[in-house]
Amino acid sequence: MPATLTTPTPTPTPTRTGLLTAVAVLLIALNLRLGMSSAAALLDALRADLRFSPLVAALLPTLPSLCFAAAGAGTGALARRLGAERTVLAAVVALTAGLAARAVPATWALLAGTVLGMSGLALCNVLLPTLVRTHFPERVGLLTGLYTTTLALGATLASAVAVPVAGAVGSPSLGLAVWALPALVATGVWAARTGIRTGIRTPGAAPAPTPTPGERISPWAMARTRLGALVTAYFGLQALNAYAITGWLPSLLSGHGMSEGAAGVVLAVAQAVGIPVSFAVLALAKGPAGLRWAFAGVSTAMLAGFAGLLVAPMALPLVWAVLVGLGLCSFPLVLAVIARSGSGPAQTTTLSTLSQSLGYLLAALGPLAVGLLHSATGGWTAPMALLLATAAAQLVVGIALTRGRP
């Protein structure tokens, strides 16, 4: 089975439908981090209001990665059965319902809503690269940059305003549920795009970008290739580092004396950095040499940011946030590699399923380990030392992934 970067045969979506598809994809991307970033910014407030245990506090930032791993593993089979576009519609419906369920001020509702919403996110995570490749084969880099930038914009917005929004509506639980509203908008636009609302495909729309049963490729066969193994390892390490730091950075800074609102702003800065930088990184990564420099650069930035948070977290918190934000650009980089890999959408979906299911399973260990280490030691030195080691591993794997590219 081919496991090299190739260019698919162009099958662009018609102009009018393509514009609606692009808008719908960007609206979905906007929602991919709203529920997660708002929960991170409100974690301390939720714990005080709902009075849940340290174990639940460690579990909450871990649930998204676990859901991404579990639900993501079945995405390919579900897409073959329902079609990729119908699967994405079901996913955004689940996301909306899960976020809305968190309005109930109870720990069980918080956890159940998180599981449902993040499972919907998992399906979108896996299928968005396939949708981009299928509908925009000649603009993979541009669309990947647009939707990862929109994703970062959503994460930044939620981190910056989650605390004041929760204060305005009267509770952290209602503050989390507010983010179901933009998810509802994305659901409506995607339903219009697919024509599912009326049971009729949108006039002029391209067929759903779904691999047929005959095109089924085993993820385990892909895992035995060098590309599959390295992409999965890199995806897992970057996700582990990203979810651990975004899930716990506000608590880390609050633990050193910073207010919750200010800590949320610092997290917003880390996530905002990727908005302008992602396009530059993706432009640099078009050629083999640029790809190597891009992977090395973002991984080194993450390593430096973690080192600063370990050694002197309150000395230059915004500097560390900017470095971490540069490191978070590893996400669009690895997505671009996935979207350009294989000989067609079937292999793209297989690589995306493999890397995201196993990668997020590895990533789930990050927030959980950070939370448990913090609870056990009462400080942040051990958790940040662990993340420093995983950032170093990410750098090593990134160099291996780009070595020997033709």
Protein backbone atom coordinates (compact mmCIF):
# COMPACT_ATOMS: atom_id res chain seq x y z
CA MET A 1 0.00 0.00 0.00
CA PRO A 2 1.41 3.42 -0.90
CA ALA A 3 2.49 5.48 2.08
CA THR A 4 3.98 8.55 0.47
CA LEU A 5 2.85 12.10 -0.01
CA THR A 6 1.03 12.31 -3.34
CA THR A 7 -1.32 14.69 -5.09
CA PRO A 8 -4.86 13.38 -5.68
CA THR A 9 -6.69 13.74 -8.96
CA PRO A 10 -8.47 17.12 -8.68
CA THR A 11 -12.20 16.76 -8.08
CA PRO A 12 -13.16 20.26 -6.97
CA THR A 13 -16.63 21.08 -5.72
CA PRO A 14 -18.70 23.40 -7.98
CA THR A 15 -18.17 27.07 -7.15
CA ARG A 16 -21.44 27.91 -5.37
CA THR A 17 -21.59 24.65 -3.46
CA GLY A 18 -17.86 24.89 -2.79
CA LEU A 19 -18.33 28.27 -1.11
CA LEU A 20 -21.11 26.91 1.10
CA THR A 21 -18.96 23.86 1.89
CA ALA A 22 -16.03 26.06 2.87
CA VAL A 23 -18.22 28.25 5.09
CA ALA A 24 -19.73 25.17 6.76
CA VAL A 25 -16.31 23.60 7.34
CA LEU A 26 -15.05 26.83 8.93
CA LEU A 27 -18.10 27.10 11.19
CA ILE A 28 -17.54 23.53 12.36
CA ALA A 29 -13.85 24.29 12.92
CA LEU A 30 -14.80 27.33 15.00
CA ASN A 31 -16.63 25.00 17.39
CA LEU A 32 -13.92 22.34 17.69
CA ARG A 33 -12.27 23.99 20.69
CA LEU A 34 -14.94 26.28 22.19
CA GLY A 35 -16.25 23.68 24.63
CA MET A 36 -12.77 22.51 25.63
CA SER A 37 -11.14 25.91 26.14
CA SER A 38 -14.09 27.29 28.09
CA ALA A 39 -13.98 24.25 30.41
CA ALA A 40 -10.26 24.77 31.01
CA ALA A 41 -10.74 28.44 31.90
CA LEU A 42 -13.63 27.56 34.24
CA LEU A 43 -12.13 24.43 35.82
CA ASP A 44 -11.43 26.01 39.22
CA ALA A 45 -14.85 27.71 39.28
CA LEU A 46 -16.60 24.46 38.35
CA ARG A 47 -14.74 22.58 41.06
CA ALA A 48 -15.74 25.15 43.67
CA ASP A 49 -19.37 25.25 42.50
CA LEU A 50 -19.96 21.52 41.98
CA ARG A 51 -17.53 20.37 44.70
CA PHE A 52 -16.17 17.45 42.76
CA SER A 53 -13.09 15.46 43.78
CA PRO A 54 -9.47 15.91 42.61
CA LEU A 55 -9.95 12.74 40.53
CA VAL A 56 -12.83 14.33 38.62
CA ALA A 57 -10.76 17.51 38.24
CA ALA A 58 -7.99 15.42 36.65
CA LEU A 59 -10.48 13.45 34.55
CA LEU A 60 -12.33 16.41 33.04
CA PRO A 61 -9.42 17.72 30.90
CA THR A 62 -8.65 14.10 29.96
CA LEU A 63 -12.13 13.18 28.68
CA PRO A 64 -11.79 14.97 25.32
CA SER A 65 -8.71 12.95 24.37
CA LEU A 66 -10.33 9.69 25.50
CA CYS A 67 -13.44 10.48 23.47
CA PHE A 68 -11.34 11.42 20.46
CA ALA A 69 -9.56 8.08 20.68
CA ALA A 70 -12.65 5.92 21.22
CA ALA A 71 -15.08 7.63 18.85
CA GLY A 72 -12.38 8.41 16.28
CA ALA A 73 -11.53 4.72 15.90
CA GLY A 74 -14.99 4.01 14.48
CA THR A 75 -15.21 7.03 12.22
CA GLY A 76 -14.17 5.23 9.04
CA ALA A 77 -16.78 2.50 9.46
CA LEU A 78 -19.50 5.01 10.30
CA ALA A 79 -18.60 7.19 7.31
CA ARG A 80 -18.78 4.18 4.98
CA ARG A 81 -22.23 3.37 6.31
CA LEU A 82 -23.79 6.85 6.47
CA GLY A 83 -21.60 8.89 4.16
CA ALA A 84 -19.01 11.36 5.39
CA GLU A 85 -21.33 14.36 5.17
CA ARG A 86 -24.16 12.67 7.11
CA THR A 87 -21.63 11.50 9.69
CA VAL A 88 -20.41 15.06 10.18
CA LEU A 89 -24.02 16.22 10.58
CA ALA A 90 -24.63 13.61 13.28
CA ALA A 91 -21.38 14.73 14.90
CA VAL A 92 -22.30 18.41 15.15
CA VAL A 93 -25.75 17.47 16.48
CA ALA A 94 -24.04 15.42 19.22
CA LEU A 95 -21.68 18.31 19.92
CA THR A 96 -24.55 20.77 20.33
CA ALA A 97 -26.52 18.43 22.58
CA GLY A 98 -23.48 17.64 24.73
CA LEU A 99 -22.59 21.28 25.30
CA ALA A 100 -26.20 22.13 26.13
CA ALA A 101 -26.40 19.27 28.66
CA ARG A 102 -23.62 20.86 30.69
CA ALA A 103 -26.08 23.59 31.74
CA VAL A 104 -27.32 21.23 34.47
CA PRO A 105 -25.34 22.13 37.63
CA ALA A 106 -24.32 18.56 38.49
CA THR A 107 -21.09 16.61 38.11
CA TRP A 108 -22.81 13.77 36.23
CA ALA A 109 -24.23 16.24 33.68
CA LEU A 110 -20.84 17.89 33.25
CA LEU A 111 -19.16 14.54 32.56
CA ALA A 112 -21.97 13.09 30.41
CA GLY A 113 -22.27 16.26 28.35
CA THR A 114 -18.52 16.35 27.86
CA VAL A 115 -18.47 12.73 26.65
CA LEU A 116 -21.32 13.29 24.18
CA GLY A 117 -19.98 16.58 22.86
CA MET A 118 -16.39 15.44 22.55
CA SER A 119 -17.46 12.24 20.78
CA GLY A 120 -19.08 14.45 18.16
CA LEU A 121 -15.87 16.43 17.92
CA ALA A 122 -13.93 13.22 17.36
CA LEU A 123 -15.87 12.43 14.20
CA CYS A 124 -15.33 15.95 12.87
CA ASN A 125 -11.61 15.80 13.69
CA VAL A 126 -11.12 12.67 11.60
CA LEU A 127 -13.30 13.63 8.64
CA LEU A 128 -12.39 17.28 8.10
CA PRO A 129 -9.06 16.44 6.35
CA THR A 130 -10.96 14.05 4.05
CA LEU A 131 -13.60 16.67 3.25
CA VAL A 132 -10.92 19.24 2.49
CA ARG A 133 -9.02 16.84 0.24
CA THR A 134 -12.14 15.73 -1.60
CA HIS A 135 -13.76 19.11 -2.17
CA PHE A 136 -10.63 21.28 -2.43
CA PRO A 137 -7.82 19.03 -3.75
CA GLU A 138 -5.90 21.94 -5.26
CA ARG A 139 -6.21 24.10 -2.14
CA VAL A 140 -5.45 21.64 0.66
CA GLY A 141 -2.87 23.93 2.28
CA LEU A 142 -5.12 27.00 2.08
CA LEU A 143 -8.21 25.28 3.47
CA THR A 144 -6.19 23.49 6.16
CA GLY A 145 -4.74 26.84 7.18
CA LEU A 146 -8.17 28.47 7.20
CA TYR A 147 -9.88 25.84 9.31
CA THR A 148 -7.03 25.41 11.79
CA THR A 149 -6.84 29.21 12.11
CA THR A 150 -10.58 29.36 12.70
CA LEU A 151 -10.20 26.58 15.25
CA ALA A 152 -7.50 28.59 17.04
CA LEU A 153 -9.72 31.68 16.92
CA GLY A 154 -12.51 29.76 18.63
CA ALA A 155 -10.13 28.47 21.30
CA THR A 156 -8.80 31.98 21.89
CA LEU A 157 -12.27 33.48 22.15
CA ALA A 158 -13.47 30.86 24.63
CA SER A 159 -10.36 31.16 26.82
CA ALA A 160 -10.56 34.95 26.94
CA VAL A 161 -14.28 35.38 27.66
CA ALA A 162 -15.35 32.15 29.40
CA VAL A 163 -14.94 33.60 32.90
CA PRO A 164 -16.80 36.89 32.26
CA VAL A 165 -19.53 35.07 30.30
CA ALA A 166 -20.06 32.65 33.19
CA GLY A 167 -20.26 35.61 35.55
CA ALA A 168 -22.82 37.31 33.32
CA VAL A 169 -25.13 34.27 33.15
CA GLY A 170 -24.76 33.49 36.83
CA SER A 171 -22.93 30.17 37.05
CA PRO A 172 -20.02 28.26 35.49
CA SER A 173 -22.38 25.50 34.33
CA LEU A 174 -24.55 27.92 32.37
CA GLY A 175 -21.34 29.57 31.17
CA LEU A 176 -20.31 26.27 29.57
CA ALA A 177 -23.73 25.74 27.99
CA VAL A 178 -23.60 29.11 26.22
CA TRP A 179 -21.16 27.57 23.75
CA ALA A 180 -23.91 25.29 22.43
CA LEU A 181 -25.29 28.30 20.52
CA PRO A 182 -22.50 28.61 17.92
CA ALA A 183 -22.55 24.81 17.60
CA LEU A 184 -26.26 25.05 16.77
CA VAL A 185 -25.48 27.57 14.02
CA ALA A 186 -22.83 25.25 12.55
CA THR A 187 -25.34 22.39 12.63
CA GLY A 188 -27.90 24.40 10.67
CA VAL A 189 -25.43 25.48 8.00
CA TRP A 190 -24.02 21.98 7.57
CA ALA A 191 -27.56 20.57 7.33
CA ALA A 192 -28.27 23.07 4.55
CA ARG A 193 -25.04 22.03 2.82
CA THR A 194 -25.85 18.34 2.85
CA GLY A 195 -29.58 18.69 2.16
CA ILE A 196 -30.29 16.25 5.00
CA ARG A 197 -32.84 18.60 6.52
CA THR A 198 -35.20 17.97 3.61
CA GLY A 199 -33.94 14.52 2.76
CA ILE A 200 -32.67 15.82 -0.59
CA ARG A 201 -29.08 16.52 -1.52
CA THR A 202 -28.35 20.20 -2.16
CA PRO A 203 -28.74 20.94 -5.90
CA GLY A 204 -25.37 20.87 -7.62
CA ALA A 205 -23.63 19.36 -4.62
CA ALA A 206 -20.86 16.87 -5.18
CA PRO A 207 -21.43 13.33 -3.93
CA ALA A 208 -20.52 12.72 -0.33
CA PRO A 209 -16.76 12.20 0.03
CA THR A 210 -17.07 8.69 1.38
CA PRO A 211 -14.85 5.71 0.58
CA THR A 212 -16.88 2.86 -0.82
CA PRO A 213 -16.74 -0.59 0.88
CA GLY A 214 -14.39 -1.81 -1.83
CA GLU A 215 -11.93 0.95 -0.95
CA ARG A 216 -11.66 -0.06 2.69
CA ILE A 217 -8.08 0.02 3.94
CA SER A 218 -7.10 -1.44 7.29
CA PRO A 219 -5.66 1.11 9.73
CA TRP A 220 -3.40 -1.64 11.06
CA ALA A 221 -1.85 -2.08 7.62
CA MET A 222 -1.22 1.66 7.58
CA ALA A 223 0.26 1.43 11.08
CA ARG A 224 2.95 -0.93 9.79
CA THR A 225 4.24 1.68 7.36
CA ARG A 226 6.91 4.19 8.35
CA LEU A 227 4.61 7.10 7.51
CA GLY A 228 1.70 5.68 9.51
CA ALA A 229 3.82 4.96 12.58
CA LEU A 230 5.60 8.32 12.61
CA VAL A 231 2.53 10.42 11.86
CA THR A 232 0.62 8.63 14.63
CA ALA A 233 3.46 9.10 17.12
CA TYR A 234 3.86 12.77 16.26
CA PHE A 235 0.12 13.41 16.33
CA GLY A 236 -0.14 11.75 19.74
CA LEU A 237 2.76 13.67 21.26
CA GLN A 238 1.65 17.07 19.96
CA ALA A 239 -1.91 16.41 21.14
CA LEU A 240 -0.68 15.23 24.55
CA ASN A 241 1.34 18.41 24.98
CA ALA A 242 -1.42 20.66 23.63
CA TYR A 243 -4.25 19.25 25.74
CA ALA A 244 -2.15 19.03 28.88
CA ILE A 245 -1.02 22.65 28.69
CA THR A 246 -4.32 24.15 27.53
CA GLY A 247 -6.22 22.10 30.11
CA TRP A 248 -4.02 23.07 33.05
CA LEU A 249 -2.27 26.36 32.20
CA PRO A 250 -4.91 28.57 33.86
CA SER A 251 -4.76 26.44 37.02
CA LEU A 252 -0.96 26.51 36.99
CA LEU A 253 -0.90 30.31 36.78
CA SER A 254 -3.69 30.66 39.36
CA GLY A 255 -1.70 28.42 41.68
CA HIS A 256 1.17 30.90 41.45
CA GLY A 257 -1.05 33.82 42.41
CA MET A 258 -2.52 35.04 39.10
CA SER A 259 -6.26 35.79 38.99
CA GLU A 260 -8.52 33.39 37.10
CA GLY A 261 -9.46 36.05 34.55
CA ALA A 262 -5.83 36.98 33.86
CA ALA A 263 -4.85 33.30 33.61
CA GLY A 264 -7.60 32.82 31.02
CA VAL A 265 -6.18 35.74 29.03
CA VAL A 266 -2.69 34.18 29.08
CA LEU A 267 -4.16 30.95 27.73
CA ALA A 268 -5.96 33.00 25.08
CA VAL A 269 -2.63 34.54 24.06
CA ALA A 270 -1.09 31.08 23.66
CA GLN A 271 -3.94 30.02 21.41
CA ALA A 272 -4.12 33.31 19.49
CA VAL A 273 -0.48 33.08 18.36
CA GLY A 274 -1.39 30.29 15.98
CA ILE A 275 -3.94 32.45 14.14
CA PRO A 276 -1.42 34.46 12.08
CA VAL A 277 1.45 31.97 12.31
CA SER A 278 -0.33 28.88 10.96
CA PHE A 279 -0.45 30.22 7.41
CA ALA A 280 3.23 31.10 7.46
CA VAL A 281 4.13 27.68 8.83
CA LEU A 282 2.02 25.90 6.21
CA ALA A 283 3.49 28.05 3.44
CA LEU A 284 6.99 27.17 4.64
CA ALA A 285 6.07 23.47 4.73
CA LYS A 286 5.19 23.18 1.03
CA GLY A 287 8.64 21.85 0.12
CA PRO A 288 10.60 19.02 1.80
CA ALA A 289 13.27 21.33 3.26
CA GLY A 290 10.65 23.78 4.51
CA LEU A 291 8.66 20.93 6.03
CA ARG A 292 11.71 19.86 8.05
CA TRP A 293 12.34 23.40 9.28
CA ALA A 294 8.68 23.88 10.15
CA PHE A 295 8.46 20.67 12.21
CA ALA A 296 11.73 21.43 14.00
CA GLY A 297 10.78 25.05 14.66
CA VAL A 298 7.36 24.49 16.21
CA SER A 299 8.56 21.58 18.34
CA THR A 300 11.54 23.60 19.62
CA ALA A 301 9.23 26.50 20.49
CA MET A 302 7.01 24.18 22.54
CA LEU A 303 10.07 22.81 24.33
CA ALA A 304 11.28 26.33 25.18
CA GLY A 305 7.85 27.43 26.41
CA PHE A 306 7.55 24.44 28.71
CA ALA A 307 11.06 25.07 30.05
CA GLY A 308 10.05 28.64 30.94
CA LEU A 309 6.89 27.48 32.72
CA LEU A 310 8.97 24.96 34.67
CA VAL A 311 11.79 27.27 35.72
CA ALA A 312 10.11 30.68 36.14
CA PRO A 313 6.38 30.57 35.34
CA MET A 314 5.55 34.05 36.67
CA ALA A 315 8.67 35.83 35.39
CA LEU A 316 7.56 36.14 31.75
CA PRO A 317 4.20 34.37 31.44
CA LEU A 318 3.28 36.06 28.16
CA VAL A 319 6.62 35.09 26.60
CA TRP A 320 6.09 31.46 27.62
CA ALA A 321 2.53 31.69 26.25
CA VAL A 322 3.79 32.93 22.87
CA LEU A 323 6.34 30.11 22.66
CA VAL A 324 3.69 27.55 23.58
CA GLY A 325 1.41 29.11 20.96
CA LEU A 326 4.08 28.67 18.31
CA GLY A 327 4.38 25.05 19.42
CA LEU A 328 0.63 24.56 18.98
CA CYS A 329 1.15 25.17 15.24
CA SER A 330 2.32 21.54 15.10
CA PHE A 331 -1.38 20.64 14.80
CA PRO A 332 -2.03 22.23 11.38
CA LEU A 333 1.33 20.92 10.20
CA VAL A 334 0.53 17.30 10.93
CA LEU A 335 -3.01 17.74 9.55
CA ALA A 336 -1.53 19.02 6.28
CA VAL A 337 0.69 15.92 6.09
CA ILE A 338 -2.36 13.71 6.65
CA ALA A 339 -4.47 15.55 4.07
CA ARG A 340 -1.75 15.20 1.40
CA SER A 341 -0.93 11.56 2.13
CA GLY A 342 -1.89 8.46 0.24
CA SER A 343 -3.34 7.99 -3.24
CA GLY A 344 -6.89 9.12 -2.51
CA PRO A 345 -9.59 9.90 0.09
CA ALA A 346 -9.73 6.29 1.32
CA GLN A 347 -6.08 6.32 2.38
CA THR A 348 -6.41 9.84 3.78
CA THR A 349 -9.34 8.71 5.95
CA THR A 350 -7.40 5.61 7.05
CA LEU A 351 -4.33 7.61 8.06
CA SER A 352 -6.49 10.20 9.78
CA THR A 353 -8.41 7.49 11.67
CA LEU A 354 -5.22 5.70 12.72
CA SER A 355 -3.29 8.78 13.82
CA GLN A 356 -6.20 10.39 15.63
CA SER A 357 -7.58 7.30 17.40
CA LEU A 358 -4.23 6.02 18.68
CA GLY A 359 -2.78 9.52 18.92
CA TYR A 360 -5.57 10.81 21.14
CA LEU A 361 -5.36 7.68 23.27
CA LEU A 362 -1.75 8.62 23.96
CA ALA A 363 -2.76 12.27 24.38
CA ALA A 364 -5.25 11.35 27.11
CA LEU A 365 -2.36 10.45 29.37
CA GLY A 366 -1.11 14.05 29.38
CA PRO A 367 -3.91 15.95 31.18
CA LEU A 368 -4.54 12.97 33.48
CA ALA A 369 -0.88 12.61 34.43
CA VAL A 370 -0.52 16.35 35.00
CA GLY A 371 -3.60 16.42 37.23
CA LEU A 372 -2.57 13.38 39.26
CA LEU A 373 1.03 14.58 39.65
CA HIS A 374 -0.19 17.99 40.78
CA SER A 375 -2.55 16.40 43.32
CA ALA A 376 0.18 14.07 44.59
CA THR A 377 2.94 16.67 44.91
CA GLY A 378 0.92 19.81 45.60
CA GLY A 379 3.00 21.72 43.07
CA TRP A 380 3.70 22.15 39.38
CA THR A 381 7.38 21.17 39.12
CA ALA A 382 6.80 17.45 38.51
CA PRO A 383 3.97 17.95 35.97
CA MET A 384 5.98 20.48 33.94
CA ALA A 385 9.10 18.29 34.05
CA LEU A 386 7.00 15.49 32.54
CA LEU A 387 5.75 17.79 29.79
CA LEU A 388 9.28 18.96 29.09
CA ALA A 389 10.22 15.33 28.41
CA THR A 390 7.24 14.76 26.09
CA ALA A 391 8.05 18.00 24.20
CA ALA A 392 11.59 16.70 23.65
CA ALA A 393 10.15 13.43 22.33
CA GLN A 394 7.91 15.40 19.95
CA LEU A 395 10.96 17.19 18.56
CA VAL A 396 12.79 13.90 17.96
CA VAL A 397 9.82 12.27 16.22
CA GLY A 398 9.22 15.36 14.07
CA ILE A 399 12.80 15.26 12.82
CA ALA A 400 12.45 11.54 12.03
CA LEU A 401 9.16 12.12 10.22
CA THR A 402 10.67 14.67 7.85
CA ARG A 403 14.01 12.95 7.35
CA GLY A 404 14.63 11.59 3.87
CA ARG A 405 11.65 13.28 2.21
CA PRO A 406 12.09 13.31 -1.57
